[in-house]
C-alpha cells in the first residue's frame, strides 16, 4: 500500500537562526493592534488591509539567493516602514485599486505554519512529540498529513507558549506575512484565512490533547479547545468542504471547561502516550477502517525507523528525533 506521493516533501531539521525566530530586541513597541475585539469573515478581510497588500506587492524584492534571515529582515523592514509612516503615505496605497485578489508572492511568507511545537529537551518527550505530529496524518483514507509544513517554536526563557502569547510567537516574532496584515491606520491584524494555531505544549505531550486557539482579528484569544490530533483531518475536511465555522465543528464533540482557565475546554479524555502509535490510532477513531499492518506500513514509509524505535522503547519511541529523521510529509 503506497502512500500517495504527489505532494511529497522532506521536513528538514529545524534550522532557523535566532534572527528568524525572534525579532531582534523584541517586538517593537510601535507595533500595536486595535483595542476593540472584532471578527470578520475571510472574504471581508482583504478590503480592510488592501493598502498593506498593495504596499507589499510593490515593494517586496525577490531574489534567488535570499535566505530565511534576509527574508525575515525584509519583512521586518517593510512592517516598520508601513507602521511608522505618515498617514498620507498609507493613504496613497489604500486609495489604489487592487488588480486582483492575489495578495503577494508566497516567498514573502515566513513559513506555512499550521502546527506549533515546543521542542522538548528530553528523549521521552521527543518521542511523544513525534507520536503527536504523526497523529495528524490521515491513516483512514491515506489522503495526507494536515500539517503540510510544521513550525518549531524556540521559546524565550521563562516565557512558555500559552493561549495568550501564541499569536505573538507565531506571527509577530517571525513577521509572518501569511498570518499578519496591517490596516490603513498601521495596526496589526490577523488574517482569518489562516488556520487557527495548534499548540503542542507540555500538557499536550503528556496527554495527547493539543490546544486549538481561536482569536479575534486583533489577535486577542477568546477560546481554546483541547483536541486529539488524530481527529483533525476529518475536522479540516468538513471545515473546507461544508464551510462550517471551526467553533461549530469543535463544539459538536462536546466539551468540559478547564478549571484553571475558563476560556479553554476539554473535548476528549487524555490518551496514554506510552502506548504505540498504531495501538492509539486503531483504538480511537470511530471510522477507522485500516488494519494494524497498514498503519505500520504507512508509518514505515512516512518516517523510516519510527516503528523500530517504538519497538525498542516498549511502545514509545523515546530516542526518536522526528526533526532529525527523513520525515516525509505528504
Protein backbone atom coordinates (compact mmCIF):
# COMPACT_ATOMS: atom_id res chain seq x y z
CA UNK A 1 0.00 0.00 0.00
CA UNK A 2 1.89 3.01 -1.25
CA UNK A 3 1.24 6.35 0.37
CA UNK A 4 0.29 8.98 -2.26
CA UNK A 5 3.45 10.86 -3.19
CA UNK A 6 2.20 13.74 -5.31
CA UNK A 7 2.86 16.23 -2.51
CA UNK A 8 5.92 14.53 -1.09
CA UNK A 9 8.47 16.78 0.56
CA UNK A 10 11.01 16.44 3.33
CA UNK A 11 10.65 18.17 6.66
CA UNK A 12 14.21 19.27 7.30
CA UNK A 13 15.74 19.74 10.71
CA UNK A 14 14.67 22.97 12.34
CA UNK A 15 17.45 25.26 11.16
CA UNK A 16 16.12 28.76 11.70
CA UNK A 17 18.52 31.14 13.35
CA UNK A 18 17.66 33.34 16.32
CA UNK A 19 17.30 36.25 13.87
CA UNK A 20 14.44 34.49 12.12
CA UNK A 21 12.76 33.13 15.23
CA UNK A 22 12.70 36.29 17.29
CA UNK A 23 12.51 39.95 16.40
CA UNK A 24 15.95 41.27 17.47
CA UNK A 25 15.49 43.18 20.71
CA UNK A 26 11.86 42.07 20.98
CA UNK A 27 8.76 43.06 19.02
CA UNK A 28 8.91 46.86 18.68
CA UNK A 29 6.53 48.82 20.87
CA UNK A 30 5.30 50.81 17.86
CA UNK A 31 3.51 47.68 16.55
CA UNK A 32 0.04 47.73 18.05
CA UNK A 33 -3.29 46.05 17.35
CA UNK A 34 -6.78 47.58 17.56
CA UNK A 35 -8.04 47.60 21.14
CA UNK A 36 -11.57 46.68 20.05
CA UNK A 37 -12.25 42.95 19.63
CA UNK A 38 -13.80 42.12 16.27
CA UNK A 39 -14.22 39.20 13.89
CA UNK A 40 -14.77 39.42 10.16
CA UNK A 41 -15.43 36.78 7.53
CA UNK A 42 -12.42 35.78 5.39
CA UNK A 43 -13.90 37.46 2.31
CA UNK A 44 -14.48 40.67 4.26
CA UNK A 45 -10.86 40.95 5.37
CA UNK A 46 -8.98 41.98 2.16
CA UNK A 47 -10.60 45.43 1.90
CA UNK A 48 -9.50 46.18 5.48
CA UNK A 49 -5.86 45.55 4.59
CA UNK A 50 -5.85 46.38 0.87
CA UNK A 51 -3.33 49.22 1.24
CA UNK A 52 -0.91 46.92 3.06
CA UNK A 53 -1.28 44.24 0.38
CA UNK A 54 -0.56 46.80 -2.34
CA UNK A 55 2.44 48.13 -0.43
CA UNK A 56 3.96 44.65 -0.09
CA UNK A 57 3.34 43.72 -3.71
CA UNK A 58 5.03 46.87 -4.95
CA UNK A 59 7.98 46.86 -2.56
CA UNK A 60 8.94 43.23 -1.97
CA UNK A 61 12.31 42.45 -3.55
CA UNK A 62 12.69 38.88 -4.80
CA UNK A 63 15.98 37.09 -5.17
CA UNK A 64 17.21 33.58 -5.88
CA UNK A 65 19.90 33.91 -3.22
CA UNK A 66 17.51 35.10 -0.49
CA UNK A 67 17.81 33.25 2.81
CA UNK A 68 15.33 32.83 5.65
CA UNK A 69 17.24 35.51 7.53
CA UNK A 70 17.27 38.02 4.69
CA UNK A 71 13.57 37.49 4.03
CA UNK A 72 12.84 37.99 7.73
CA UNK A 73 14.87 41.21 7.73
CA UNK A 74 12.98 42.46 4.68
CA UNK A 75 9.60 41.63 6.23
CA UNK A 76 10.50 43.49 9.42
CA UNK A 77 11.77 46.49 7.48
CA UNK A 78 8.54 46.67 5.48
CA UNK A 79 6.44 46.44 8.64
CA UNK A 80 8.44 49.24 10.24
CA UNK A 81 8.06 51.42 7.14
CA UNK A 82 4.29 50.91 6.99
CA UNK A 83 3.57 51.31 10.69
CA UNK A 84 5.78 54.37 11.31
CA UNK A 85 4.89 56.19 8.08
CA UNK A 86 2.79 59.33 7.94
CA UNK A 87 -0.89 58.70 7.33
CA UNK A 88 -0.82 60.21 3.84
CA UNK A 89 1.77 57.57 2.85
CA UNK A 90 -0.55 54.72 3.82
CA UNK A 91 -3.49 56.51 2.22
CA UNK A 92 -1.61 56.63 -1.07
CA UNK A 93 -1.64 52.83 -1.18
CA UNK A 94 -5.06 52.31 0.35
CA UNK A 95 -6.75 54.53 -2.22
CA UNK A 96 -5.37 52.49 -5.10
CA UNK A 97 -7.42 49.63 -6.56
CA UNK A 98 -6.03 46.11 -6.46
CA UNK A 99 -5.99 44.43 -9.87
CA UNK A 100 -6.79 41.03 -8.40
CA UNK A 101 -7.44 39.14 -5.20
CA UNK A 102 -3.84 37.96 -5.12
CA UNK A 103 -2.07 39.43 -2.13
CA UNK A 104 1.63 38.89 -2.68
CA UNK A 105 4.20 36.27 -3.52
CA UNK A 106 4.36 33.13 -1.40
CA UNK A 107 8.04 33.85 -0.77
CA UNK A 108 7.11 36.80 1.43
CA UNK A 109 5.65 34.38 3.97
CA UNK A 110 7.76 33.28 6.92
CA UNK A 111 6.67 29.65 6.83
CA UNK A 112 3.45 27.77 6.18
CA UNK A 113 2.68 27.40 9.87
CA UNK A 114 -0.11 25.10 10.96
CA UNK A 115 1.27 23.24 13.99
CA UNK A 116 3.35 24.87 16.68
CA UNK A 117 5.56 22.67 18.78
CA UNK A 118 7.66 23.44 21.80
CA UNK A 119 10.80 21.41 21.10
CA UNK A 120 11.25 19.02 24.06
CA UNK A 121 14.50 18.69 25.96
CA UNK A 122 14.14 15.04 27.00
CA UNK A 123 14.29 11.94 24.80
CA UNK A 124 10.94 10.78 26.21
CA UNK A 125 9.20 13.99 25.21
CA UNK A 126 10.86 13.89 21.79
CA UNK A 127 9.17 10.52 21.39
CA UNK A 128 5.75 11.81 22.40
CA UNK A 129 6.15 14.86 20.14
CA UNK A 130 6.84 12.53 17.21
CA UNK A 131 3.78 10.49 18.17
CA UNK A 132 1.51 13.54 18.27
CA UNK A 133 2.75 15.01 14.99
CA UNK A 134 2.24 11.68 13.29
CA UNK A 135 -1.35 11.60 14.57
CA UNK A 136 -2.18 14.46 12.20
CA UNK A 137 -1.80 12.09 9.25
CA UNK A 138 -4.96 10.62 7.71
CA UNK A 139 -4.42 6.89 8.12
CA UNK A 140 -8.04 6.10 7.30
CA UNK A 141 -8.20 7.42 3.73
CA UNK A 142 -4.46 7.98 3.27
CA UNK A 143 -5.13 11.48 1.97
CA UNK A 144 -2.17 13.09 3.62
CA UNK A 145 -0.92 15.00 6.63
CA UNK A 146 -2.90 18.01 7.84
CA UNK A 147 0.30 19.97 8.51
CA UNK A 148 1.84 20.40 5.08
CA UNK A 149 4.50 22.37 6.91
CA UNK A 150 5.31 22.35 10.61
CA UNK A 151 6.98 25.13 12.54
CA UNK A 152 9.01 24.56 15.66
CA UNK A 153 8.89 27.40 18.13
CA UNK A 154 12.00 28.06 20.14
CA UNK A 155 10.60 29.61 23.29
CA UNK A 156 12.08 32.58 25.04
CA UNK A 157 13.43 31.90 28.50
CA UNK A 158 10.72 31.91 31.19
CA UNK A 159 8.05 32.51 28.54
CA UNK A 160 6.28 29.20 27.71
CA UNK A 161 3.85 29.18 24.81
CA UNK A 162 0.27 29.68 26.02
CA UNK A 163 -3.13 30.69 24.71
CA UNK A 164 -2.17 34.29 25.45
CA UNK A 165 1.14 34.54 23.60
CA UNK A 166 0.86 32.02 20.78
CA UNK A 167 -0.11 34.73 18.29
CA UNK A 168 2.98 36.72 19.20
CA UNK A 169 5.19 33.68 18.72
CA UNK A 170 3.55 32.52 15.51
CA UNK A 171 3.10 35.86 13.75
CA UNK A 172 4.74 38.91 15.33
CA UNK A 173 8.12 37.42 16.29
CA UNK A 174 8.55 35.91 12.84
CA UNK A 175 6.91 38.84 11.00
CA UNK A 176 4.86 36.19 9.21
CA UNK A 177 3.02 37.78 6.30
CA UNK A 178 0.98 34.61 5.86
CA UNK A 179 -0.84 35.48 9.08
CA UNK A 180 -0.08 39.10 9.83
CA UNK A 181 -1.53 42.09 7.97
CA UNK A 182 -1.98 45.79 8.74
CA UNK A 183 -4.85 48.20 8.30
CA UNK A 184 -4.74 51.74 7.00
CA UNK A 185 -4.02 53.06 10.50
CA UNK A 186 -0.90 50.88 10.69
CA UNK A 187 -2.41 48.49 13.24
CA UNK A 188 -1.57 44.77 13.23
CA UNK A 189 -4.34 42.37 12.24
CA UNK A 190 -4.58 38.58 11.99
CA UNK A 191 -5.84 37.19 8.71
CA UNK A 192 -8.92 34.93 9.12
CA UNK A 193 -7.82 32.97 6.04
CA UNK A 194 -5.06 31.42 8.13
CA UNK A 195 -5.96 28.34 10.20
CA UNK A 196 -6.20 28.65 13.95
CA UNK A 197 -2.89 27.79 15.61
CA UNK A 198 -2.49 24.30 17.04
CA UNK A 199 -0.19 24.37 20.03
CA UNK A 200 1.70 21.26 21.10
CA UNK A 201 2.82 22.20 24.59
CA UNK A 202 3.94 20.19 27.61
CA UNK A 203 0.34 19.42 28.53
CA UNK A 204 -0.21 18.00 25.03
CA UNK A 205 2.94 15.90 25.26
CA UNK A 206 1.65 14.35 28.48
CA UNK A 207 -1.95 13.80 27.40
CA UNK A 208 -2.14 13.86 23.58
CA UNK A 209 -4.52 16.84 23.80
CA UNK A 210 -3.24 19.70 21.65
CA UNK A 211 -4.61 23.23 22.11
CA UNK A 212 -6.53 24.92 19.30
CA UNK A 213 -6.61 28.69 19.86
CA UNK A 214 -9.40 30.86 18.45
CA UNK A 215 -8.74 34.60 18.31
CA UNK A 216 -10.33 37.84 17.24
CA UNK A 217 -8.83 39.59 14.23
CA UNK A 218 -6.89 41.87 16.56
CA UNK A 219 -5.03 38.80 17.82
CA UNK A 220 -6.67 38.56 21.24
CA UNK A 221 -7.57 34.93 22.05
CA UNK A 222 -11.10 34.28 23.21
CA UNK A 223 -11.34 30.49 23.31
CA UNK A 224 -9.22 27.36 23.28
CA UNK A 225 -10.07 23.70 22.82
CA UNK A 226 -8.08 20.65 23.87
CA UNK A 227 -8.42 18.23 20.95
CA UNK A 228 -6.92 14.93 19.86
CA UNK A 229 -4.59 15.40 16.92
CA UNK A 230 -5.97 12.32 15.20
CA UNK A 231 -9.39 13.98 14.77
CA UNK A 232 -8.11 16.96 12.85
CA UNK A 233 -8.15 15.53 9.37
CA UNK A 234 -11.90 14.82 9.46
CA UNK A 235 -12.49 18.23 11.07
CA UNK A 236 -10.47 20.04 8.41
CA UNK A 237 -12.20 18.19 5.57
CA UNK A 238 -15.62 19.15 6.96
CA UNK A 239 -14.46 22.72 7.58
CA UNK A 240 -13.27 23.11 3.99
CA UNK A 241 -15.94 21.00 2.32
CA UNK A 242 -19.01 22.33 4.11
CA UNK A 243 -17.79 25.78 5.11
CA UNK A 244 -18.90 25.32 8.72
CA UNK A 245 -17.24 27.53 11.35
CA UNK A 246 -14.41 25.82 13.19
CA UNK A 247 -16.08 26.58 16.51
CA UNK A 248 -19.23 24.71 15.47
CA UNK A 249 -17.26 21.68 14.37
CA UNK A 250 -15.23 21.51 17.57
CA UNK A 251 -18.21 22.14 19.82
CA UNK A 252 -20.04 19.23 18.19
CA UNK A 253 -17.63 16.95 20.07
CA UNK A 254 -18.85 18.24 23.43
CA UNK A 255 -16.60 19.91 25.94
CA UNK A 256 -15.84 20.42 29.62
CA UNK A 257 -14.31 23.64 31.00
CA UNK A 258 -10.72 23.80 32.19
CA UNK A 259 -10.84 24.67 35.92
CA UNK A 260 -7.66 26.72 35.50
CA UNK A 261 -8.79 28.83 32.52
CA UNK A 262 -12.45 29.46 31.73
CA UNK A 263 -11.56 30.14 28.07
CA UNK A 264 -10.28 26.59 27.49
CA UNK A 265 -12.45 23.49 27.06
CA UNK A 266 -11.61 19.80 27.00
CA UNK A 267 -13.25 17.91 24.15
CA UNK A 268 -11.69 14.49 24.80
CA UNK A 269 -10.18 12.37 27.55
CA UNK A 270 -6.37 12.18 27.77
CA UNK A 271 -4.50 9.42 25.95
CA UNK A 272 -1.93 7.03 27.33
CA UNK A 273 1.07 8.39 25.44
CA UNK A 274 3.16 5.38 26.47
CA UNK A 275 1.20 3.20 24.03
CA UNK A 276 2.44 2.54 20.48
CA UNK A 277 1.02 4.95 17.92
CA UNK A 278 -0.59 2.17 15.90
CA UNK A 279 -2.49 0.98 19.00
CA UNK A 280 -3.76 4.50 19.69
CA UNK A 281 -4.80 5.01 16.07
CA UNK A 282 -6.73 1.76 15.88
CA UNK A 283 -8.50 2.32 19.22
CA UNK A 284 -9.64 5.94 18.90
CA UNK A 285 -11.15 6.92 15.50
CA UNK A 286 -14.76 5.85 15.15
CA UNK A 287 -14.46 5.43 11.37
CA UNK A 288 -11.09 3.66 11.37
CA UNK A 289 -11.12 1.07 8.60
CA UNK A 290 -7.45 0.20 8.19
CA UNK A 291 -5.67 -2.74 9.75
CA UNK A 292 -2.71 -2.67 12.13
CA UNK A 293 -0.27 -3.75 9.44
CA UNK A 294 -1.49 -0.98 7.13
CA UNK A 295 -0.81 1.64 9.81
CA UNK A 296 2.67 0.24 10.38
CA UNK A 297 3.31 0.18 6.63
CA UNK A 298 2.26 3.82 6.34
CA UNK A 299 4.43 4.78 9.31
CA UNK A 300 7.40 2.95 7.83
CA UNK A 301 7.02 4.88 4.60
CA UNK A 302 6.32 8.23 6.28
CA UNK A 303 9.06 8.01 8.89
CA UNK A 304 11.71 5.37 8.30
CA UNK A 305 12.91 3.95 11.61
CA UNK A 306 9.95 5.05 13.71
CA UNK A 307 8.28 1.65 14.08
CA UNK A 308 11.61 0.12 15.07
CA UNK A 309 12.20 2.90 17.62
CA UNK A 310 8.78 2.22 19.16
CA UNK A 311 9.57 -1.45 19.47
CA UNK A 312 12.92 -0.69 21.09
CA UNK A 313 11.23 1.69 23.55
CA UNK A 314 8.47 -0.75 24.54
CA UNK A 315 5.80 1.28 22.80
CA UNK A 316 7.21 4.81 22.93
CA UNK A 317 9.95 5.90 20.53
CA UNK A 318 11.82 7.61 23.34
CA UNK A 319 15.05 8.16 21.41
CA UNK A 320 13.39 9.20 18.17
CA UNK A 321 14.12 12.72 16.92
CA UNK A 322 11.47 13.45 14.31
CA UNK A 323 13.27 16.57 13.17
CA UNK A 324 16.47 14.65 12.64
CA UNK A 325 14.78 11.92 10.60
CA UNK A 326 13.76 11.62 6.98
CA UNK A 327 10.19 12.70 7.78
CA UNK A 328 8.15 12.75 4.56
CA UNK A 329 5.00 14.84 4.78
CA UNK A 330 2.51 14.02 2.03
